[in-house]
Amino acid sequence: MDKVKIHLNVNGDDMDFDVQPNRTLLELLRDLAGLTGTKEGCGMGVCGSCTVLMNDNPVRSCLTLALEAEGSRIITVEGLATEDGPDPLQQAFIEHSAAQCGFCTPGMLMSAKALLNENPDPSEIEIREALSGNTCRCTGYAKIVEAVAGAAKKK
């Protein structure tokens, strides 16, 4: 299969990739860009572990073909922190003990980031709705919801 050249802005860096047409955005990010924070859980778009932001919208990178992302701005969990430290959302996850095994955490963070970018003061119901596509097998979600609400209060 012939490769196709695509251009992306990933976490603020312009990058060019030669990808096979059937390669997913998840595979590109992990295997070609070396950004392994994004996880593959189910591989079917159900668990949300692979969530990244594409042009500020949360997408399941396991279901998104890399070619579909051509010219897009992609933010992964690695792109949340700055030189000054973790993103307030990441800090809230730490302060509220919202991560246990951590496998779902990147996807949770990206879904929550998309919510807070759109709605800086969400209700608990809105937080739960925004996170409803993310599966966590370790928690009852309470600490995760508290962390997102806590980050919203700090903005």
Protein backbone atom coordinates (compact mmCIF):
# COMPACT_ATOMS: atom_id res chain seq x y z
CA MET A 1 0.00 0.00 0.00
CA ASP A 2 1.45 3.38 -1.00
CA LYS A 3 2.08 5.88 1.76
CA VAL A 4 0.56 9.35 1.75
CA LYS A 5 2.27 12.46 3.13
CA ILE A 6 0.22 14.38 5.70
CA HIS A 7 0.89 17.44 7.80
CA LEU A 8 -0.31 17.91 11.37
CA ASN A 9 0.29 20.33 14.19
CA VAL A 10 0.80 18.09 17.21
CA ASN A 11 1.01 19.75 20.61
CA GLY A 12 2.11 22.97 18.95
CA ASP A 13 4.74 21.42 16.67
CA ASP A 14 4.32 21.17 12.90
CA MET A 15 5.00 17.60 11.79
CA ASP A 16 4.95 15.72 8.50
CA PHE A 17 4.30 12.00 8.28
CA ASP A 18 4.26 9.38 5.56
CA VAL A 19 1.38 7.09 6.46
CA GLN A 20 -0.42 4.15 4.96
CA PRO A 21 -4.06 5.02 4.21
CA ASN A 22 -5.33 2.45 6.74
CA ARG A 23 -3.24 3.73 9.65
CA THR A 24 -5.18 5.29 12.53
CA LEU A 25 -4.40 8.55 14.24
CA LEU A 26 -3.68 6.53 17.39
CA GLU A 27 -1.05 4.48 15.57
CA LEU A 28 0.49 7.62 14.09
CA LEU A 29 0.70 9.33 17.48
CA ARG A 30 2.13 6.34 19.32
CA ASP A 31 4.30 4.70 16.67
CA LEU A 32 5.44 7.57 14.46
CA ALA A 33 5.31 10.61 16.76
CA GLY A 34 6.42 8.68 19.87
CA LEU A 35 3.59 10.09 21.98
CA THR A 36 2.60 7.07 24.04
CA GLY A 37 0.39 8.88 26.56
CA THR A 38 -2.65 8.19 24.39
CA LYS A 39 -3.76 4.63 25.14
CA GLU A 40 -5.52 1.96 23.14
CA GLY A 41 -8.09 0.27 25.30
CA CYS A 42 -10.80 -1.41 23.29
CA GLY A 43 -9.76 -0.46 19.74
CA MET A 44 -13.46 0.05 18.90
CA GLY A 45 -14.10 3.61 20.11
CA VAL A 46 -16.06 2.52 23.17
CA CYS A 47 -13.73 3.08 26.14
CA GLY A 48 -12.40 6.60 25.43
CA SER A 49 -8.81 5.84 26.44
CA CYS A 50 -7.58 7.01 23.04
CA THR A 51 -9.32 10.41 23.16
CA VAL A 52 -7.33 13.35 21.81
CA LEU A 53 -8.38 16.82 20.73
CA MET A 54 -8.54 17.45 17.00
CA ASN A 55 -9.15 21.13 16.30
CA ASP A 56 -10.38 21.43 19.91
CA ASN A 57 -12.93 18.60 19.54
CA PRO A 58 -12.53 15.27 21.35
CA VAL A 59 -12.10 12.36 18.94
CA ARG A 60 -11.45 8.66 19.34
CA SER A 61 -8.02 8.33 17.77
CA CYS A 62 -8.46 4.54 17.39
CA LEU A 63 -11.35 5.17 14.97
CA THR A 64 -9.94 8.22 13.20
CA LEU A 65 -7.81 7.52 10.18
CA ALA A 66 -4.59 9.50 10.17
CA LEU A 67 -5.53 10.82 6.71
CA GLU A 68 -8.72 12.34 8.18
CA ALA A 69 -6.54 14.49 10.44
CA GLU A 70 -4.62 16.08 7.54
CA GLY A 71 -3.94 19.73 8.35
CA SER A 72 -5.47 19.47 11.82
CA ARG A 73 -4.26 20.69 15.19
CA ILE A 74 -3.93 17.69 17.52
CA ILE A 75 -3.51 17.94 21.28
CA THR A 76 -2.56 14.83 23.22
CA VAL A 77 -2.20 14.42 26.97
CA GLU A 78 1.49 15.29 26.55
CA GLY A 79 0.43 18.67 25.19
CA LEU A 80 -1.48 19.72 28.31
CA ALA A 81 1.48 20.55 30.54
CA THR A 82 3.64 23.61 29.94
CA GLU A 83 7.16 24.63 30.97
CA ASP A 84 5.56 26.07 34.10
CA GLY A 85 4.11 22.73 35.17
CA PRO A 86 1.03 20.59 34.77
CA ASP A 87 -2.20 21.94 33.35
CA PRO A 88 -4.65 22.95 36.14
CA LEU A 89 -6.77 19.97 35.13
CA GLN A 90 -3.84 17.59 35.57
CA GLN A 91 -3.05 19.21 38.92
CA ALA A 92 -6.66 18.76 40.00
CA PHE A 93 -6.49 15.05 39.12
CA ILE A 94 -3.44 14.78 41.37
CA GLU A 95 -5.00 16.77 44.23
CA HIS A 96 -8.27 14.80 44.12
CA SER A 97 -6.59 11.38 43.68
CA ALA A 98 -8.60 10.95 40.49
CA ALA A 99 -6.19 8.51 38.86
CA GLN A 100 -5.74 4.99 40.12
CA CYS A 101 -4.15 2.69 37.56
CA GLY A 102 -3.92 5.66 35.18
CA PHE A 103 -4.82 3.83 31.98
CA CYS A 104 -8.01 5.81 31.38
CA THR A 105 -6.58 9.07 32.69
CA PRO A 106 -5.26 10.47 29.38
CA GLY A 107 -8.65 10.04 27.72
CA MET A 108 -10.48 11.41 30.77
CA LEU A 109 -8.20 14.45 30.82
CA MET A 110 -8.73 15.15 27.12
CA SER A 111 -12.52 14.81 27.34
CA ALA A 112 -12.55 17.04 30.41
CA LYS A 113 -10.26 19.58 28.73
CA ALA A 114 -12.64 19.81 25.76
CA LEU A 115 -15.53 20.39 28.17
CA LEU A 116 -13.72 23.10 30.14
CA ASN A 117 -12.58 24.83 26.96
CA GLU A 118 -16.21 25.05 25.87
CA ASN A 119 -17.82 25.52 29.28
CA PRO A 120 -15.52 26.85 32.01
CA ASP A 121 -18.16 26.40 34.72
CA PRO A 122 -19.91 23.09 34.09
CA SER A 123 -22.45 21.53 36.43
CA GLU A 124 -21.88 18.04 37.82
CA ILE A 125 -24.36 16.69 35.29
CA GLU A 126 -22.49 18.36 32.43
CA ILE A 127 -19.19 16.93 33.70
CA ARG A 128 -20.66 13.44 33.95
CA GLU A 129 -22.16 13.77 30.48
CA ALA A 130 -18.83 14.93 28.99
CA LEU A 131 -17.05 11.97 30.59
CA SER A 132 -19.76 9.43 29.79
CA GLY A 133 -17.81 8.08 26.82
CA ASN A 134 -14.79 7.29 28.98
CA THR A 135 -14.63 4.00 30.85
CA CYS A 136 -12.74 3.59 34.10
CA ARG A 137 -12.63 0.19 35.71
CA CYS A 138 -10.88 1.30 38.92
CA THR A 139 -13.07 4.07 40.30
CA GLY A 140 -16.65 5.05 40.85
CA TYR A 141 -15.94 8.27 38.91
CA ALA A 142 -16.62 10.47 41.96
CA LYS A 143 -13.02 11.64 42.35
CA ILE A 144 -12.73 12.24 38.61
CA VAL A 145 -15.86 14.41 38.61
CA GLU A 146 -14.56 16.24 41.71
CA ALA A 147 -11.23 16.87 39.98
CA VAL A 148 -12.88 18.36 36.88
CA ALA A 149 -15.13 20.54 39.05
CA GLY A 150 -12.09 21.59 41.08
CA ALA A 151 -10.15 22.57 37.96
CA ALA A 152 -13.14 24.59 36.75
CA LYS A 153 -13.19 26.57 40.00
CA LYS A 154 -9.50 27.47 39.60
CA LYS A 155 -10.00 29.00 36.15
